[in-house]
Amino acid sequence: MFYERLKLLASEKKKSLNQIEIDLGFSKNTLYNTKKYTPQGDKLTKLAEYFGVSTDYLLGNTTSQKLDLAKLDDDIVASNLSY
């Protein structure tokens, strides 16, 4: 599912996976390898920011492409309160 969403987003941006790797400073074939492995951590976050979607959308946990900024703000506040 991840690779399919990645290809869809790349197509909407009219970019190849190779160009996205260059834009983000990823190694060659990093995005092609997402057919087998889902990126985590920093790479996942960079991809979400690049496309303007949530990591949940990329991972297939939601069908909405739009970032829920209110939820994001709540998550940031909650994480700051835990320290």
N, C-alpha and C. Protein backbone atom coordinates (compact mmCIF):
# COMPACT_ATOMS: atom_id res chain seq x y z
N MET A 1 0.82 -1.19 0.00
CA MET A 1 0.00 0.00 0.00
C MET A 1 0.87 1.26 0.00
N PHE A 2 1.95 1.27 0.77
CA PHE A 2 2.80 2.45 0.86
C PHE A 2 3.32 2.85 -0.52
N TYR A 3 3.88 1.89 -1.25
CA TYR A 3 4.47 2.17 -2.55
C TYR A 3 3.43 2.73 -3.52
N GLU A 4 2.21 2.19 -3.48
CA GLU A 4 1.16 2.67 -4.36
C GLU A 4 0.80 4.13 -4.05
N ARG A 5 0.71 4.46 -2.79
CA ARG A 5 0.42 5.85 -2.41
C ARG A 5 1.57 6.77 -2.81
N LEU A 6 2.77 6.29 -2.63
CA LEU A 6 3.94 7.07 -3.01
C LEU A 6 3.93 7.36 -4.51
N LYS A 7 3.65 6.35 -5.31
CA LYS A 7 3.58 6.53 -6.76
C LYS A 7 2.47 7.50 -7.14
N LEU A 8 1.33 7.41 -6.49
CA LEU A 8 0.21 8.31 -6.77
C LEU A 8 0.60 9.76 -6.46
N LEU A 9 1.19 9.97 -5.31
CA LEU A 9 1.60 11.32 -4.92
C LEU A 9 2.67 11.87 -5.85
N ALA A 10 3.61 11.01 -6.24
CA ALA A 10 4.66 11.43 -7.18
C ALA A 10 4.04 11.83 -8.51
N SER A 11 3.09 11.05 -8.96
CA SER A 11 2.41 11.34 -10.23
C SER A 11 1.66 12.66 -10.15
N GLU A 12 0.98 12.91 -9.05
CA GLU A 12 0.25 14.17 -8.87
C GLU A 12 1.21 15.36 -8.89
N LYS A 13 2.43 15.16 -8.41
CA LYS A 13 3.43 16.22 -8.38
C LYS A 13 4.23 16.27 -9.68
N LYS A 14 3.93 15.30 -10.56
CA LYS A 14 4.65 15.17 -11.84
C LYS A 14 6.16 15.02 -11.63
N LYS A 15 6.50 14.14 -10.69
CA LYS A 15 7.90 13.87 -10.36
C LYS A 15 8.13 12.36 -10.43
N SER A 16 9.33 11.99 -10.83
CA SER A 16 9.72 10.59 -10.78
C SER A 16 10.21 10.26 -9.37
N LEU A 17 10.21 8.98 -9.04
CA LEU A 17 10.75 8.59 -7.73
C LEU A 17 12.23 8.97 -7.64
N ASN A 18 12.93 8.84 -8.76
CA ASN A 18 14.35 9.21 -8.78
C ASN A 18 14.52 10.69 -8.46
N GLN A 19 13.69 11.55 -9.03
CA GLN A 19 13.80 12.99 -8.77
C GLN A 19 13.47 13.30 -7.31
N ILE A 20 12.49 12.61 -6.75
CA ILE A 20 12.13 12.82 -5.34
C ILE A 20 13.30 12.42 -4.44
N GLU A 21 13.96 11.31 -4.78
CA GLU A 21 15.14 10.89 -4.01
C GLU A 21 16.21 11.98 -4.03
N ILE A 22 16.42 12.56 -5.20
CA ILE A 22 17.40 13.64 -5.32
C ILE A 22 16.98 14.85 -4.49
N ASP A 23 15.69 15.23 -4.63
CA ASP A 23 15.16 16.38 -3.90
C ASP A 23 15.35 16.22 -2.39
N LEU A 24 15.16 15.01 -1.90
CA LEU A 24 15.20 14.77 -0.45
C LEU A 24 16.57 14.29 0.05
N GLY A 25 17.51 14.07 -0.87
CA GLY A 25 18.83 13.62 -0.47
C GLY A 25 18.88 12.15 -0.07
N PHE A 26 17.96 11.35 -0.60
CA PHE A 26 17.94 9.91 -0.32
C PHE A 26 18.88 9.19 -1.28
N SER A 27 19.35 8.04 -0.88
CA SER A 27 20.17 7.20 -1.74
C SER A 27 19.34 6.69 -2.92
N LYS A 28 20.04 6.36 -4.01
CA LYS A 28 19.37 5.83 -5.18
C LYS A 28 18.63 4.54 -4.81
N ASN A 29 17.45 4.38 -5.36
CA ASN A 29 16.57 3.21 -5.16
C ASN A 29 15.93 3.13 -3.78
N THR A 30 16.11 4.15 -2.95
CA THR A 30 15.47 4.15 -1.63
C THR A 30 13.96 4.02 -1.78
N LEU A 31 13.37 4.80 -2.68
CA LEU A 31 11.92 4.78 -2.83
C LEU A 31 11.44 3.54 -3.57
N TYR A 32 12.22 3.04 -4.50
CA TYR A 32 11.86 1.80 -5.17
C TYR A 32 11.80 0.66 -4.15
N ASN A 33 12.69 0.68 -3.18
CA ASN A 33 12.73 -0.37 -2.16
C ASN A 33 11.53 -0.33 -1.22
N THR A 34 10.72 0.73 -1.30
CA THR A 34 9.53 0.77 -0.45
C THR A 34 8.47 -0.22 -0.93
N LYS A 35 8.73 -0.88 -2.05
CA LYS A 35 7.86 -2.00 -2.45
C LYS A 35 7.96 -3.11 -1.41
N LYS A 36 9.13 -3.23 -0.80
CA LYS A 36 9.39 -4.31 0.17
C LYS A 36 9.42 -3.82 1.61
N TYR A 37 9.93 -2.59 1.80
CA TYR A 37 10.14 -2.08 3.15
C TYR A 37 9.52 -0.70 3.30
N THR A 38 8.79 -0.51 4.36
CA THR A 38 8.20 0.81 4.64
C THR A 38 9.23 1.65 5.38
N PRO A 39 9.50 2.85 4.87
CA PRO A 39 10.46 3.70 5.57
C PRO A 39 9.93 4.12 6.94
N GLN A 40 10.84 4.39 7.82
CA GLN A 40 10.46 4.80 9.17
C GLN A 40 11.20 6.07 9.54
N GLY A 41 10.82 6.63 10.65
CA GLY A 41 11.51 7.77 11.22
C GLY A 41 11.64 8.95 10.30
N ASP A 42 12.87 9.42 10.16
CA ASP A 42 13.17 10.65 9.44
C ASP A 42 12.74 10.58 7.97
N LYS A 43 12.97 9.46 7.32
CA LYS A 43 12.60 9.33 5.90
C LYS A 43 11.09 9.43 5.72
N LEU A 44 10.35 8.78 6.58
CA LEU A 44 8.90 8.83 6.51
C LEU A 44 8.40 10.26 6.73
N THR A 45 8.97 10.93 7.70
CA THR A 45 8.59 12.31 8.00
C THR A 45 8.92 13.24 6.83
N LYS A 46 10.11 13.07 6.24
CA LYS A 46 10.51 13.90 5.10
C LYS A 46 9.56 13.70 3.92
N LEU A 47 9.16 12.47 3.67
CA LEU A 47 8.24 12.20 2.57
C LEU A 47 6.88 12.85 2.83
N ALA A 48 6.39 12.73 4.04
CA ALA A 48 5.10 13.33 4.38
C ALA A 48 5.15 14.85 4.20
N GLU A 49 6.21 15.47 4.67
CA GLU A 49 6.36 16.92 4.53
C GLU A 49 6.49 17.31 3.05
N TYR A 50 7.24 16.55 2.29
CA TYR A 50 7.45 16.82 0.87
C TYR A 50 6.13 16.85 0.11
N PHE A 51 5.27 15.88 0.42
CA PHE A 51 3.98 15.78 -0.28
C PHE A 51 2.86 16.55 0.41
N GLY A 52 3.11 17.04 1.62
CA GLY A 52 2.08 17.78 2.34
C GLY A 52 0.95 16.89 2.82
N VAL A 53 1.31 15.67 3.21
CA VAL A 53 0.32 14.72 3.72
C VAL A 53 0.79 14.22 5.09
N SER A 54 -0.08 13.51 5.76
CA SER A 54 0.30 12.96 7.06
C SER A 54 1.05 11.64 6.87
N THR A 55 1.83 11.28 7.86
CA THR A 55 2.48 9.97 7.82
C THR A 55 1.44 8.87 7.87
N ASP A 56 0.33 9.11 8.56
CA ASP A 56 -0.75 8.13 8.60
C ASP A 56 -1.30 7.85 7.21
N TYR A 57 -1.42 8.90 6.39
CA TYR A 57 -1.89 8.70 5.01
C TYR A 57 -0.88 7.84 4.24
N LEU A 58 0.39 8.17 4.34
CA LEU A 58 1.41 7.39 3.64
C LEU A 58 1.40 5.92 4.06
N LEU A 59 1.16 5.69 5.34
CA LEU A 59 1.17 4.34 5.86
C LEU A 59 -0.13 3.58 5.63
N GLY A 60 -1.14 4.27 5.11
CA GLY A 60 -2.41 3.62 4.83
C GLY A 60 -3.34 3.57 6.02
N ASN A 61 -3.05 4.35 7.06
CA ASN A 61 -3.89 4.36 8.26
C ASN A 61 -5.10 5.28 8.13
N THR A 62 -5.11 6.12 7.09
CA THR A 62 -6.22 7.02 6.84
C THR A 62 -6.33 7.22 5.34
N THR A 63 -7.51 7.59 4.89
CA THR A 63 -7.72 7.81 3.46
C THR A 63 -7.63 9.29 3.10
N SER A 64 -7.54 10.15 4.09
CA SER A 64 -7.49 11.58 3.85
C SER A 64 -6.05 12.02 3.60
N GLN A 65 -5.82 12.71 2.48
CA GLN A 65 -4.49 13.21 2.17
C GLN A 65 -4.15 14.45 2.97
N LYS A 66 -5.15 15.18 3.39
CA LYS A 66 -4.91 16.47 4.03
C LYS A 66 -4.39 16.28 5.45
N LEU A 67 -3.46 17.14 5.80
CA LEU A 67 -2.96 17.16 7.16
C LEU A 67 -4.02 17.74 8.07
N ASP A 68 -4.27 17.10 9.18
CA ASP A 68 -5.20 17.63 10.17
C ASP A 68 -4.38 18.49 11.12
N LEU A 69 -4.30 19.79 10.82
CA LEU A 69 -3.44 20.68 11.60
C LEU A 69 -3.89 20.80 13.05
N ALA A 70 -5.19 20.71 13.30
CA ALA A 70 -5.68 20.77 14.67
C ALA A 70 -5.17 19.56 15.45
N LYS A 71 -5.22 18.37 14.84
CA LYS A 71 -4.72 17.17 15.49
C LYS A 71 -3.21 17.28 15.69
N LEU A 72 -2.52 17.80 14.68
CA LEU A 72 -1.08 17.96 14.78
C LEU A 72 -0.73 18.88 15.95
N ASP A 73 -1.44 19.99 16.08
CA ASP A 73 -1.21 20.90 17.20
C ASP A 73 -1.47 20.20 18.53
N ASP A 74 -2.56 19.42 18.59
CA ASP A 74 -2.88 18.68 19.82
C ASP A 74 -1.77 17.69 20.15
N ASP A 75 -1.25 17.01 19.12
CA ASP A 75 -0.18 16.04 19.34
C ASP A 75 1.08 16.72 19.84
N ILE A 76 1.39 17.89 19.31
CA ILE A 76 2.58 18.63 19.74
C ILE A 76 2.42 19.07 21.18
N VAL A 77 1.26 19.60 21.52
CA VAL A 77 1.01 20.03 22.90
C VAL A 77 1.10 18.83 23.85
N ALA A 78 0.49 17.73 23.45
CA ALA A 78 0.50 16.53 24.31
C ALA A 78 1.92 16.02 24.51
N SER A 79 2.73 16.03 23.44
CA SER A 79 4.11 15.53 23.58
C SER A 79 4.94 16.47 24.45
N ASN A 80 4.67 17.77 24.38
CA ASN A 80 5.40 18.71 25.22
C ASN A 80 5.01 18.59 26.68
N LEU A 81 3.77 18.22 26.94
CA LEU A 81 3.30 18.07 28.32
C LEU A 81 3.89 16.84 28.98
N SER A 82 4.29 15.85 28.17
CA SER A 82 4.80 14.61 28.74
C SER A 82 6.22 14.74 29.25
N TYR A 83 6.88 15.85 28.95
CA TYR A 83 8.27 16.04 29.41
C TYR A 83 8.32 16.62 30.77
